[in-house]
C-alpha atoms as a PDB file:
ATOM      1  CA  MET A   1       6.992   6.436 -35.210  1.00  0.00           C
ATOM      2  CA  LEU A   2       4.876   5.628 -32.169  1.00  0.00           C
ATOM      3  CA  ALA A   3       5.728   7.364 -28.904  1.00  0.00           C
ATOM      4  CA  ALA A   4       7.185   5.155 -26.177  1.00  0.00           C
ATOM      5  CA  ARG A   5       4.749   3.883 -23.605  1.00  0.00           C
ATOM      6  CA  HIS A   6       4.879   5.962 -20.436  1.00  0.00           C
ATOM      7  CA  VAL A   7       5.176   3.935 -17.222  1.00  0.00           C
ATOM      8  CA  VAL A   8       5.254   5.641 -13.822  1.00  0.00           C
ATOM      9  CA  CYS A   9       7.158   3.509 -11.344  1.00  0.00           C
ATOM     10  CA  ALA A  10       6.800   3.871  -7.566  1.00  0.00           C
ATOM     11  CA  LEU A  11      10.259   4.139  -5.992  1.00  0.00           C
ATOM     12  CA  SER A  12      10.707   3.391  -2.291  1.00  0.00           C
ATOM     13  CA  GLY A  13      14.456   3.956  -2.098  1.00  0.00           C
ATOM     14  CA  GLY A  14      15.027   0.195  -1.946  1.00  0.00           C
ATOM     15  CA  VAL A  15      16.593  -2.300  -4.328  1.00  0.00           C
ATOM     16  CA  ASP A  16      13.367  -3.906  -5.584  1.00  0.00           C
ATOM     17  CA  SER A  17      11.707  -0.773  -6.951  1.00  0.00           C
ATOM     18  CA  ALA A  18      15.046   0.442  -8.331  1.00  0.00           C
ATOM     19  CA  VAL A  19      15.508  -2.732 -10.368  1.00  0.00           C
ATOM     20  CA  ALA A  20      11.853  -2.598 -11.438  1.00  0.00           C
ATOM     21  CA  ALA A  21      12.461   0.861 -12.939  1.00  0.00           C
ATOM     22  CA  LEU A  22      15.663  -0.369 -14.594  1.00  0.00           C
ATOM     23  CA  LEU A  23      13.890  -3.310 -16.226  1.00  0.00           C
ATOM     24  CA  LEU A  24      11.136  -1.038 -17.528  1.00  0.00           C
ATOM     25  CA  ARG A  25      13.752   1.165 -19.189  1.00  0.00           C
ATOM     26  CA  ARG A  26      15.315  -1.912 -20.771  1.00  0.00           C
ATOM     27  CA  ARG A  27      11.942  -2.746 -22.290  1.00  0.00           C
ATOM     28  CA  GLY A  28      12.044   0.601 -24.065  1.00  0.00           C
ATOM     29  CA  TYR A  29       9.411   2.427 -22.031  1.00  0.00           C
ATOM     30  CA  GLN A  30       9.492   6.063 -21.017  1.00  0.00           C
ATOM     31  CA  VAL A  31       9.871   5.724 -17.250  1.00  0.00           C
ATOM     32  CA  THR A  32       9.171   8.256 -14.508  1.00  0.00           C
ATOM     33  CA  GLY A  33      10.077   7.580 -10.876  1.00  0.00           C
ATOM     34  CA  VAL A  34       7.836   8.723  -8.024  1.00  0.00           C
ATOM     35  CA  PHE A  35       8.629   8.605  -4.319  1.00  0.00           C
ATOM     36  CA  MET A  36       5.664   8.579  -1.920  1.00  0.00           C
ATOM     37  CA  LYS A  37       6.110  10.086   1.542  1.00  0.00           C
ATOM     38  CA  ASN A  38       3.505   8.445   3.752  1.00  0.00           C
ATOM     39  CA  TRP A  39       4.936   8.919   7.242  1.00  0.00           C
ATOM     40  CA  ASP A  40       6.914  11.890   8.534  1.00  0.00           C
ATOM     41  CA  SER A  41       7.778  11.284  12.175  1.00  0.00           C
ATOM     42  CA  LEU A  42      11.343  10.730  13.403  1.00  0.00           C
ATOM     43  CA  ASP A  43      12.729   7.266  14.042  1.00  0.00           C
ATOM     44  CA  GLU A  44      14.364   6.036  17.240  1.00  0.00           C
ATOM     45  CA  HIS A  45      17.535   7.993  16.360  1.00  0.00           C
ATOM     46  CA  GLY A  46      15.743  11.282  15.715  1.00  0.00           C
ATOM     47  CA  VAL A  47      16.071  10.962  11.934  1.00  0.00           C
ATOM     48  CA  CYS A  48      13.247  10.998   9.394  1.00  0.00           C
ATOM     49  CA  ALA A  49      13.716   7.729   7.527  1.00  0.00           C
ATOM     50  CA  ALA A  50      11.456   8.936   4.721  1.00  0.00           C
ATOM     51  CA  ASP A  51      13.927  11.704   3.863  1.00  0.00           C
ATOM     52  CA  ARG A  52      16.785   9.217   3.552  1.00  0.00           C
ATOM     53  CA  ASP A  53      14.669   6.924   1.391  1.00  0.00           C
ATOM     54  CA  CYS A  54      13.691   9.867  -0.810  1.00  0.00           C
ATOM     55  CA  GLU A  55      17.347  10.733  -1.370  1.00  0.00           C
ATOM     56  CA  ASP A  56      18.064   7.130  -2.347  1.00  0.00           C
ATOM     57  CA  ALA A  57      15.120   7.107  -4.755  1.00  0.00           C
ATOM     58  CA  TYR A  58      16.364  10.341  -6.320  1.00  0.00           C
ATOM     59  CA  ARG A  59      19.823   8.804  -6.808  1.00  0.00           C
ATOM     60  CA  VAL A  60      18.206   5.829  -8.553  1.00  0.00           C
ATOM     61  CA  CYS A  61      16.582   8.222 -11.022  1.00  0.00           C
ATOM     62  CA  GLN A  62      19.928   9.913 -11.605  1.00  0.00           C
ATOM     63  CA  VAL A  63      21.618   6.584 -12.328  1.00  0.00           C
ATOM     64  CA  LEU A  64      18.817   5.527 -14.692  1.00  0.00           C
ATOM     65  CA  ASP A  65      18.493   9.030 -16.206  1.00  0.00           C
ATOM     66  CA  ILE A  66      14.739   9.243 -15.651  1.00  0.00           C
ATOM     67  CA  PRO A  67      12.533  12.052 -14.250  1.00  0.00           C
ATOM     68  CA  PHE A  68      11.923  12.099 -10.505  1.00  0.00           C
ATOM     69  CA  HIS A  69       8.836  13.269  -8.629  1.00  0.00           C
ATOM     70  CA  GLN A  70       7.936  13.297  -4.949  1.00  0.00           C
ATOM     71  CA  VAL A  71       4.405  13.264  -3.553  1.00  0.00           C
ATOM     72  CA  SER A  72       3.152  13.385   0.017  1.00  0.00           C
ATOM     73  CA  TYR A  73       0.284  11.226   1.225  1.00  0.00           C
ATOM     74  CA  VAL A  74       0.939  11.743   4.929  1.00  0.00           C
ATOM     75  CA  LYS A  75      -2.601  12.989   5.564  1.00  0.00           C
ATOM     76  CA  GLU A  76      -4.194  10.241   3.473  1.00  0.00           C
ATOM     77  CA  TYR A  77      -2.041   7.580   5.155  1.00  0.00           C
ATOM     78  CA  TRP A  78      -3.042   8.795   8.595  1.00  0.00           C
ATOM     79  CA  ASN A  79      -6.754   8.843   7.733  1.00  0.00           C
ATOM     80  CA  GLU A  80      -6.984   5.677   5.647  1.00  0.00           C
ATOM     81  CA  VAL A  81      -4.255   3.437   7.078  1.00  0.00           C
ATOM     82  CA  PHE A  82      -2.972   4.438  10.500  1.00  0.00           C
ATOM     83  CA  SER A  83      -6.345   5.389  12.005  1.00  0.00           C
ATOM     84  CA  ASP A  84      -7.774   2.111  10.755  1.00  0.00           C
ATOM     85  CA  PHE A  85      -4.778   0.301  12.246  1.00  0.00           C
ATOM     86  CA  LEU A  86      -5.365   1.848  15.683  1.00  0.00           C
ATOM     87  CA  ASN A  87      -9.117   1.239  15.580  1.00  0.00           C
ATOM     88  CA  GLU A  88      -8.646  -2.409  14.667  1.00  0.00           C
ATOM     89  CA  TYR A  89      -5.990  -2.930  17.323  1.00  0.00           C
ATOM     90  CA  GLU A  90      -8.176  -1.350  19.980  1.00  0.00           C
ATOM     91  CA  ARG A  91     -10.894  -3.864  19.090  1.00  0.00           C
ATOM     92  CA  GLY A  92      -8.456  -6.715  19.677  1.00  0.00           C
ATOM     93  CA  ARG A  93      -7.848  -7.541  16.026  1.00  0.00           C
ATOM     94  CA  THR A  94      -4.509  -7.839  14.261  1.00  0.00           C
ATOM     95  CA  PRO A  95      -4.688  -5.611  11.176  1.00  0.00           C
ATOM     96  CA  ASN A  96      -2.162  -5.629   8.376  1.00  0.00           C
ATOM     97  CA  PRO A  97      -1.402  -2.013   7.407  1.00  0.00           C
ATOM     98  CA  ASP A  98       0.457  -3.071   4.250  1.00  0.00           C
ATOM     99  CA  ILE A  99      -2.760  -4.449   2.748  1.00  0.00           C
ATOM    100  CA  VAL A 100      -4.650  -1.252   3.578  1.00  0.00           C
ATOM    101  CA  CYS A 101      -1.792   0.940   2.331  1.00  0.00           C
ATOM    102  CA  ASN A 102      -1.649  -0.861  -1.004  1.00  0.00           C
ATOM    103  CA  LYS A 103      -5.409  -0.551  -1.422  1.00  0.00           C
ATOM    104  CA  HIS A 104      -5.860   3.105  -0.429  1.00  0.00           C
ATOM    105  CA  ILE A 105      -2.472   4.757  -1.016  1.00  0.00           C
ATOM    106  CA  LYS A 106      -0.269   3.014  -3.572  1.00  0.00           C
ATOM    107  CA  PHE A 107      -3.013   1.703  -5.834  1.00  0.00           C
ATOM    108  CA  SER A 108      -5.476   4.533  -5.312  1.00  0.00           C
ATOM    109  CA  CYS A 109      -3.814   7.882  -4.477  1.00  0.00           C
ATOM    110  CA  PHE A 110      -0.581   7.131  -6.345  1.00  0.00           C
ATOM    111  CA  PHE A 111      -2.406   5.378  -9.174  1.00  0.00           C
ATOM    112  CA  ARG A 112      -4.692   8.398  -9.750  1.00  0.00           C
ATOM    113  CA  TYR A 113      -1.717  10.777  -9.579  1.00  0.00           C
ATOM    114  CA  ALA A 114       0.303   8.749 -12.082  1.00  0.00           C
ATOM    115  CA  VAL A 115      -2.530   8.460 -14.584  1.00  0.00           C
ATOM    116  CA  GLY A 116      -4.238  11.807 -14.032  1.00  0.00           C
ATOM    117  CA  ASN A 117      -1.298  14.133 -13.350  1.00  0.00           C
ATOM    118  CA  LEU A 118       1.626  12.467 -15.109  1.00  0.00           C
ATOM    119  CA  GLY A 119      -0.297  10.924 -18.009  1.00  0.00           C
ATOM    120  CA  ALA A 120       0.884   7.372 -17.373  1.00  0.00           C
ATOM    121  CA  ASP A 121      -0.138   4.582 -19.721  1.00  0.00           C
ATOM    122  CA  ALA A 122       0.563   2.191 -16.861  1.00  0.00           C
ATOM    123  CA  VAL A 123       2.023   2.161 -13.355  1.00  0.00           C
ATOM    124  CA  ALA A 124       4.596  -0.203 -11.885  1.00  0.00           C
ATOM    125  CA  THR A 125       5.931  -1.204  -8.484  1.00  0.00           C
ATOM    126  CA  GLY A 126       8.679  -3.430  -7.123  1.00  0.00           C
ATOM    127  CA  HIS A 127       6.283  -5.991  -5.643  1.00  0.00           C
ATOM    128  CA  TYR A 128       6.966  -9.675  -6.183  1.00  0.00           C
ATOM    129  CA  ALA A 129       3.731 -10.555  -7.953  1.00  0.00           C
ATOM    130  CA  ARG A 130       2.295 -11.163 -11.409  1.00  0.00           C
ATOM    131  CA  THR A 131      -1.036 -10.653 -13.139  1.00  0.00           C
ATOM    132  CA  SER A 132      -2.751 -12.504 -15.963  1.00  0.00           C
ATOM    133  CA  LEU A 133      -2.037  -9.624 -18.376  1.00  0.00           C
ATOM    134  CA  GLU A 134       1.012  -9.169 -20.568  1.00  0.00           C
ATOM    135  CA  ASP A 135       2.506  -5.676 -20.858  1.00  0.00           C
ATOM    136  CA  GLU A 136       0.767  -4.880 -24.152  1.00  0.00           C
ATOM    137  CA  GLU A 137      -2.575  -5.954 -22.695  1.00  0.00           C
ATOM    138  CA  VAL A 138      -1.990  -3.575 -19.771  1.00  0.00           C
ATOM    139  CA  PHE A 139      -1.446  -0.663 -22.154  1.00  0.00           C
ATOM    140  CA  GLN A 140      -4.616  -1.535 -24.080  1.00  0.00           C
ATOM    141  CA  GLN A 141      -6.695  -1.081 -20.909  1.00  0.00           C
ATOM    142  CA  LYS A 142      -6.324   2.678 -21.315  1.00  0.00           C
ATOM    143  CA  HIS A 143      -8.612   2.543 -24.334  1.00  0.00           C
ATOM    144  CA  ILE A 144     -11.270   0.160 -22.976  1.00  0.00           C
ATOM    145  CA  LYS A 145     -14.505   1.988 -22.201  1.00  0.00           C
ATOM    146  CA  ARG A 146     -16.120   0.914 -18.950  1.00  0.00           C
ATOM    147  CA  PRO A 147     -19.781  -0.271 -19.033  1.00  0.00           C
ATOM    148  CA  GLU A 148     -22.423   2.364 -18.473  1.00  0.00           C
ATOM    149  CA  GLY A 149     -26.160   2.295 -17.914  1.00  0.00           C
ATOM    150  CA  LEU A 150     -27.559  -0.143 -15.387  1.00  0.00           C
ATOM    151  CA  PHE A 151     -26.073  -0.145 -11.886  1.00  0.00           C
ATOM    152  CA  ARG A 152     -25.135  -3.829 -12.259  1.00  0.00           C
ATOM    153  CA  ASN A 153     -23.382  -3.208 -15.561  1.00  0.00           C
ATOM    154  CA  ARG A 154     -21.285  -0.397 -14.094  1.00  0.00           C
ATOM    155  CA  PHE A 155     -20.022  -2.383 -11.120  1.00  0.00           C
ATOM    156  CA  GLU A 156     -19.993  -5.970 -12.317  1.00  0.00           C
ATOM    157  CA  VAL A 157     -16.436  -7.218 -12.906  1.00  0.00           C
ATOM    158  CA  ARG A 158     -16.127  -8.771 -16.335  1.00  0.00           C
ATOM    159  CA  ASN A 159     -13.030 -10.661 -17.476  1.00  0.00           C
ATOM    160  CA  PRO A 160     -11.310 -10.018 -14.147  1.00  0.00           C
ATOM    161  CA  VAL A 161      -7.559  -9.681 -14.003  1.00  0.00           C
ATOM    162  CA  LYS A 162      -6.031 -12.488 -11.986  1.00  0.00           C
ATOM    163  CA  LEU A 163      -3.403 -11.754  -9.356  1.00  0.00           C
ATOM    164  CA  LEU A 164      -0.802 -14.528  -9.683  1.00  0.00           C
ATOM    165  CA  GLN A 165       1.948 -15.815  -7.422  1.00  0.00           C
ATOM    166  CA  ALA A 166       5.472 -14.576  -8.099  1.00  0.00           C
ATOM    167  CA  ALA A 167       8.216 -16.899  -9.331  1.00  0.00           C
ATOM    168  CA  ASP A 168      10.013 -16.416  -6.011  1.00  0.00           C
ATOM    169  CA  SER A 169       7.500 -18.069  -3.687  1.00  0.00           C
ATOM    170  CA  PHE A 170       9.478 -17.003  -0.615  1.00  0.00           C
ATOM    171  CA  LYS A 171       9.220 -13.303  -1.549  1.00  0.00           C
ATOM    172  CA  ASP A 172       5.715 -13.508  -3.039  1.00  0.00           C
ATOM    173  CA  GLN A 173       3.613 -10.467  -2.014  1.00  0.00           C
ATOM    174  CA  THR A 174       0.240 -11.278  -3.545  1.00  0.00           C
ATOM    175  CA  PHE A 175      -1.337 -11.537  -0.076  1.00  0.00           C
ATOM    176  CA  PHE A 176      -0.505  -7.875   0.531  1.00  0.00           C
ATOM    177  CA  LEU A 177      -2.018  -6.961  -2.857  1.00  0.00           C
ATOM    178  CA  SER A 178      -5.200  -8.964  -2.350  1.00  0.00           C
ATOM    179  CA  GLN A 179      -7.432  -5.889  -1.902  1.00  0.00           C
ATOM    180  CA  VAL A 180      -6.160  -3.863  -4.863  1.00  0.00           C
ATOM    181  CA  SER A 181      -9.002  -2.853  -7.171  1.00  0.00           C
ATOM    182  CA  GLN A 182      -9.505  -4.387 -10.573  1.00  0.00           C
ATOM    183  CA  ASP A 183      -9.127  -0.981 -12.248  1.00  0.00           C
ATOM    184  CA  ALA A 184      -5.659  -0.551 -10.731  1.00  0.00           C
ATOM    185  CA  LEU A 185      -4.555  -4.120 -11.472  1.00  0.00           C
ATOM    186  CA  ARG A 186      -5.519  -3.696 -15.108  1.00  0.00           C
ATOM    187  CA  ARG A 187      -3.081  -0.818 -15.463  1.00  0.00           C
ATOM    188  CA  THR A 188      -0.203  -2.199 -13.356  1.00  0.00           C
ATOM    189  CA  ILE A 189       3.023  -3.934 -14.354  1.00  0.00           C
ATOM    190  CA  PHE A 190       5.074  -5.971 -11.879  1.00  0.00           C
ATOM    191  CA  PRO A 191       8.551  -6.270 -13.490  1.00  0.00           C
ATOM    192  CA  LEU A 192       9.915  -8.507 -10.695  1.00  0.00           C
ATOM    193  CA  GLY A 193       7.139 -11.083 -10.890  1.00  0.00           C
ATOM    194  CA  GLY A 194       9.249 -13.605 -12.785  1.00  0.00           C
ATOM    195  CA  LEU A 195      12.509 -13.060 -10.889  1.00  0.00           C
ATOM    196  CA  THR A 196      14.073 -14.281  -7.672  1.00  0.00           C
ATOM    197  CA  LYS A 197      15.366 -11.891  -5.028  1.00  0.00           C
ATOM    198  CA  ASP A 198      18.937 -13.100  -5.550  1.00  0.00           C
ATOM    199  CA  PHE A 199      18.726 -12.328  -9.257  1.00  0.00           C
ATOM    200  CA  VAL A 200      17.293  -8.879  -8.532  1.00  0.00           C
ATOM    201  CA  LYS A 201      20.306  -8.159  -6.302  1.00  0.00           C
ATOM    202  CA  LYS A 202      22.623  -9.366  -9.075  1.00  0.00           C
ATOM    203  CA  ILE A 203      21.018  -6.970 -11.551  1.00  0.00           C
ATOM    204  CA  ALA A 204      21.411  -4.092  -9.089  1.00  0.00           C
ATOM    205  CA  ALA A 205      25.081  -4.910  -8.514  1.00  0.00           C
ATOM    206  CA  GLU A 206      25.765  -4.909 -12.264  1.00  0.00           C
ATOM    207  CA  ASN A 207      24.015  -1.589 -12.905  1.00  0.00           C
ATOM    208  CA  ARG A 208      25.528   0.950 -10.477  1.00  0.00           C
ATOM    209  CA  LEU A 209      22.752   0.601  -7.903  1.00  0.00           C
ATOM    210  CA  HIS A 210      25.055  -0.250  -5.009  1.00  0.00           C
ATOM    211  CA  HIS A 211      23.620   2.436  -2.733  1.00  0.00           C
ATOM    212  CA  VAL A 212      20.265   0.636  -2.561  1.00  0.00           C
ATOM    213  CA  LEU A 213      21.784  -2.829  -2.668  1.00  0.00           C
ATOM    214  CA  GLN A 214      23.655  -2.149   0.561  1.00  0.00           C
ATOM    215  CA  LYS A 215      20.521  -1.096   2.475  1.00  0.00           C
ATOM    216  CA  LYS A 216      18.971  -3.521   4.928  1.00  0.00           C
ATOM    217  CA  GLU A 217      15.707  -4.953   3.709  1.00  0.00           C
ATOM    218  CA  SER A 218      12.715  -3.353   5.401  1.00  0.00           C
ATOM    219  CA  MET A 219      10.741  -5.763   7.560  1.00  0.00           C
ATOM    220  CA  GLY A 220       7.739  -5.349   9.837  1.00  0.00           C
ATOM    221  CA  ILE A 221       5.590  -2.244  10.085  1.00  0.00           C
ATOM    222  CA  CYS A 222       7.136   0.788   8.374  1.00  0.00           C
ATOM    223  CA  PHE A 223       5.920   3.422  10.838  1.00  0.00           C
ATOM    224  CA  VAL A 224       7.173   1.486  13.871  1.00  0.00           C
ATOM    225  CA  GLY A 225      10.714   0.919  12.621  1.00  0.00           C
ATOM    226  CA  LYS A 226      13.032  -0.603  15.221  1.00  0.00           C
ATOM    227  CA  ARG A 227      11.137   0.857  18.147  1.00  0.00           C
ATOM    228  CA  ASN A 228       9.463  -1.298  20.785  1.00  0.00           C
ATOM    229  CA  PHE A 229       6.028  -2.059  19.362  1.00  0.00           C
ATOM    230  CA  GLU A 230       4.206  -1.914  22.695  1.00  0.00           C
ATOM    231  CA  HIS A 231       5.738   1.439  23.618  1.00  0.00           C
ATOM    232  CA  PHE A 232       4.853   2.801  20.188  1.00  0.00           C
ATOM    233  CA  ILE A 233       1.206   1.704  20.308  1.00  0.00           C
ATOM    234  CA  LEU A 234       0.699   3.030  23.828  1.00  0.00           C
ATOM    235  CA  GLN A 235       1.610   6.508  22.583  1.00  0.00           C
ATOM    236  CA  TYR A 236      -1.711   6.467  20.718  1.00  0.00           C
ATOM    237  CA  LEU A 237      -3.951   4.099  22.693  1.00  0.00           C
ATOM    238  CA  GLN A 238      -4.888   4.318  26.364  1.00  0.00           C
ATOM    239  CA  PRO A 239      -3.352   1.480  28.451  1.00  0.00           C
ATOM    240  CA  ARG A 240      -5.845  -1.046  29.805  1.00  0.00           C
ATOM    241  CA  PRO A 241      -4.029  -3.080  32.487  1.00  0.00           C
ATOM    242  CA  GLY A 242      -5.081  -6.687  32.885  1.00  0.00           C
ATOM    243  CA  LYS A 243      -3.851 -10.135  33.891  1.00  0.00           C
ATOM    244  CA  PHE A 244      -2.177 -13.066  32.166  1.00  0.00           C
ATOM    245  CA  ILE A 245      -4.149 -16.161  33.172  1.00  0.00           C
ATOM    246  CA  SER A 246      -3.130 -19.767  32.599  1.00  0.00           C
ATOM    247  CA  ILE A 247      -5.890 -21.818  30.968  1.00  0.00           C
ATOM    248  CA  GLU A 248      -4.359 -24.904  32.573  1.00  0.00           C
ATOM    249  CA  ASP A 249      -5.156 -24.029  36.210  1.00  0.00           C
ATOM    250  CA  ASN A 250      -6.693 -20.520  36.005  1.00  0.00           C
ATOM    251  CA  SER A 251      -3.738 -19.058  37.927  1.00  0.00           C
ATOM    252  CA  VAL A 252      -2.596 -15.471  37.501  1.00  0.00           C
ATOM    253  CA  LEU A 253       0.892 -15.430  35.974  1.00  0.00           C
ATOM    254  CA  GLY A 254       1.453 -11.682  35.655  1.00  0.00           C
ATOM    255  CA  THR A 255       0.058  -8.427  34.346  1.00  0.00           C
ATOM    256  CA  HIS A 256       0.011  -6.567  31.047  1.00  0.00           C
ATOM    257  CA  LYS A 257      -0.817  -3.061  29.797  1.00  0.00           C
ATOM    258  CA  GLY A 258      -3.592  -3.947  27.385  1.00  0.00           C
ATOM    259  CA  TRP A 259      -5.216  -7.102  26.017  1.00  0.00           C
ATOM    260  CA  PHE A 260      -5.365  -5.494  22.573  1.00  0.00           C
ATOM    261  CA  LEU A 261      -1.548  -5.597  22.375  1.00  0.00           C
ATOM    262  CA  TYR A 262      -1.573  -9.367  21.908  1.00  0.00           C
ATOM    263  CA  THR A 263      -2.386 -11.659  19.005  1.00  0.00           C
ATOM    264  CA  LEU A 264      -3.590 -15.252  19.126  1.00  0.00           C
ATOM    265  CA  GLY A 265      -0.580 -17.536  18.856  1.00  0.00           C
ATOM    266  CA  GLN A 266       1.857 -14.806  19.909  1.00  0.00           C
ATOM    267  CA  ARG A 267       4.411 -15.520  22.597  1.00  0.00           C
ATOM    268  CA  ALA A 268       3.587 -13.513  25.717  1.00  0.00           C
ATOM    269  CA  LYS A 269       6.566 -12.075  27.527  1.00  0.00           C
ATOM    270  CA  ILE A 270       5.584 -12.515  31.163  1.00  0.00           C
ATOM    271  CA  SER A 271       7.909 -10.965  33.724  1.00  0.00           C
ATOM    272  CA  GLY A 272       9.729 -13.534  35.873  1.00  0.00           C
ATOM    273  CA  LEU A 273       8.867 -16.561  33.718  1.00  0.00           C
ATOM    274  CA  ARG A 274      11.500 -18.223  31.568  1.00  0.00           C
ATOM    275  CA  GLU A 275       9.374 -20.912  29.936  1.00  0.00           C
ATOM    276  CA  PRO A 276       7.417 -19.888  26.831  1.00  0.00           C
ATOM    277  CA  TRP A 277       3.731 -18.998  27.158  1.00  0.00           C
ATOM    278  CA  TYR A 278       1.479 -18.352  24.167  1.00  0.00           C
ATOM    279  CA  VAL A 279      -1.752 -16.419  23.777  1.00  0.00           C
ATOM    280  CA  VAL A 280      -4.772 -18.616  23.058  1.00  0.00           C
ATOM    281  CA  GLU A 281      -7.655 -16.288  23.942  1.00  0.00           C
ATOM    282  CA  LYS A 282      -8.439 -12.700  24.966  1.00  0.00           C
ATOM    283  CA  ASP A 283     -11.233 -11.645  27.284  1.00  0.00           C
ATOM    284  CA  ALA A 284     -12.101  -8.099  26.248  1.00  0.00           C
ATOM    285  CA  ALA A 285     -14.730  -7.688  28.970  1.00  0.00           C
ATOM    286  CA  LYS A 286     -12.343  -8.498  31.817  1.00  0.00           C
ATOM    287  CA  GLY A 287      -9.169  -7.353  30.064  1.00  0.00           C
ATOM    288  CA  ASP A 288      -7.460 -10.718  30.626  1.00  0.00           C
ATOM    289  CA  VAL A 289      -5.123 -12.533  28.257  1.00  0.00           C
ATOM    290  CA  LEU A 290      -5.372 -16.320  28.471  1.00  0.00           C
ATOM    291  CA  VAL A 291      -2.127 -18.182  27.850  1.00  0.00           C
ATOM    292  CA  VAL A 292      -0.837 -21.745  27.657  1.00  0.00           C
ATOM    293  CA  SER A 293       2.663 -23.143  28.089  1.00  0.00           C
ATOM    294  CA  GLY A 294       4.431 -25.067  25.337  1.00  0.00           C
ATOM    295  CA  GLY A 295       5.137 -24.479  21.639  1.00  0.00           C
ATOM    296  CA  PRO A 296       3.464 -21.895  19.389  1.00  0.00           C
ATOM    297  CA  GLY A 297       1.266 -24.580  17.816  1.00  0.00           C
ATOM    298  CA  VAL A 298      -0.512 -25.344  21.075  1.00  0.00           C
ATOM    299  CA  GLY A 299      -3.199 -22.708  20.542  1.00  0.00           C
ATOM    300  CA  LEU A 300      -4.059 -24.096  17.133  1.00  0.00           C
ATOM    301  CA  ALA A 301      -4.119 -27.643  18.496  1.00  0.00           C
ATOM    302  CA  LEU A 302      -6.705 -26.538  21.057  1.00  0.00           C
ATOM    303  CA  GLY A 303      -8.880 -25.220  18.280  1.00  0.00           C
ATOM    304  CA  THR A 304      -8.588 -21.567  19.265  1.00  0.00           C
ATOM    305  CA  GLY A 305      -6.684 -20.401  16.197  1.00  0.00           C
ATOM    306  CA  LEU A 306      -8.308 -18.379  13.446  1.00  0.00           C
ATOM    307  CA  ALA A 307      -8.260 -19.399   9.801  1.00  0.00           C
ATOM    308  CA  TYR A 308      -7.692 -16.973   6.958  1.00  0.00           C
ATOM    309  CA  THR A 309     -10.000 -17.272   3.968  1.00  0.00           C
ATOM    310  CA  PRO A 310      -8.329 -16.013   0.752  1.00  0.00           C
ATOM    311  CA  GLN A 311     -10.286 -13.269  -0.995  1.00  0.00           C
ATOM    312  CA  PRO A 312     -10.263 -12.455  -4.731  1.00  0.00           C
ATOM    313  CA  PRO A 313      -8.606  -9.177  -5.760  1.00  0.00           C
ATOM    314  CA  GLY A 314     -10.963  -6.265  -5.218  1.00  0.00           C
ATOM    315  CA  ALA A 315     -13.241  -8.142  -2.823  1.00  0.00           C
ATOM    316  CA  ALA A 316     -14.257  -6.697   0.536  1.00  0.00           C
ATOM    317  CA  PRO A 317     -11.701  -7.596   3.229  1.00  0.00           C
ATOM    318  CA  ASP A 318     -12.442 -10.329   5.731  1.00  0.00           C
ATOM    319  CA  ARG A 319     -11.113  -8.197   8.584  1.00  0.00           C
ATOM    320  CA  GLY A 320      -9.648  -9.695  11.685  1.00  0.00           C
ATOM    321  CA  SER A 321      -9.613 -13.208  10.234  1.00  0.00           C
ATOM    322  CA  TRP A 322      -5.969 -13.755   9.438  1.00  0.00           C
ATOM    323  CA  PRO A 323      -3.735 -15.251  12.108  1.00  0.00           C
ATOM    324  CA  GLY A 324      -0.408 -14.007  13.343  1.00  0.00           C
ATOM    325  CA  GLY A 325       1.258 -10.639  13.524  1.00  0.00           C
ATOM    326  CA  TYR A 326       3.890  -9.255  11.204  1.00  0.00           C
END
C-alpha cells in the first residue's frame, strides 16, 4: 500500500487556511499545519496579534487531528519585506508588502522548510487561486529532474505552470501571488481555488471551526493593524514637511509631514477643508503634494495616473507601477 501524500499547509489562524487544511485531509492526504510568525511587535492594545493567531492555528490542528509546527521568520520578514517596504515608500512609491511576503517568505522560506525539513510532497495555502496543475501533477514534480549543463538550460522556464484566477473573482488573490517562483508553484496546491468565500464559511461552520469563523477578516497591511498608517510610518521614516498645492490655481491649501506618505489618486486629508481633494502628482525635489478637487477619477482623467502591467509568475517585478494603496 502506497503511503499517503504529505502536504504541509500554512495556517494563519484564519478561516481560509483552516478550511484548506480540512479539505486536504478529506482528499486523503497526510496533512501537517505550520504557523509562520513574521511580525512580533504589539498592536494598538499592547497585545501581540501573532500569538493569538498562533493559538487559533493550533486549535485548528487539534480539531483536524493533524501535527502542528511553528516557525519564526521575523528576521527574514524584516530584511526582505519590511525594509523593502520602507525603502520604496521613502522613494515615493506605493509598494505592496503582500506580494513581497509571498515571494520571499511564504513561497521561499516556508516552502524550503516544508520540503527540506518536514519532507513535504507538496505545500498548500488558503489563497483564493488556482494553477494549471492537478493535484497528482503537483506530486509528480518532486521526481522531475531540473535541466543541467548550459546556463540557459538551467534557468529557462519550460512548460511553465500557469497561475489561474479563482472561482470567486471577488476574493481572487492571484495578483498577490504574481511573483511566486515557478519552482514553488509547481509544488503548491490551492484547495480554495474552486470555492466561493461563502461556501468556505459554510464548510467551517459544519466542521467545528467556529473559533476561526468568528474572527474578523484581516484587511490592509498586517504589520500596521488598526493603527493610524501615517503615525506608524513616521516611527521609521524621518518626517519631511511640505505643502499641499492646488493644481487649479497653484494656491497653498495646507501642510503635510512627508510627500512619500501619499499615493496618486489617494484622497488627501487637508486640515480645515471639507471638500474632497485628491493627489495627482508629487514633487520630490520641493516636497510638495499636488492635489485637485473633485472625485477620485479626476487624476486619471488628467492623464496623471499610472497603469499596472500584469507580469507572468516568476517574472521580475515592475516596481512602483501599480496604482492605488491597499
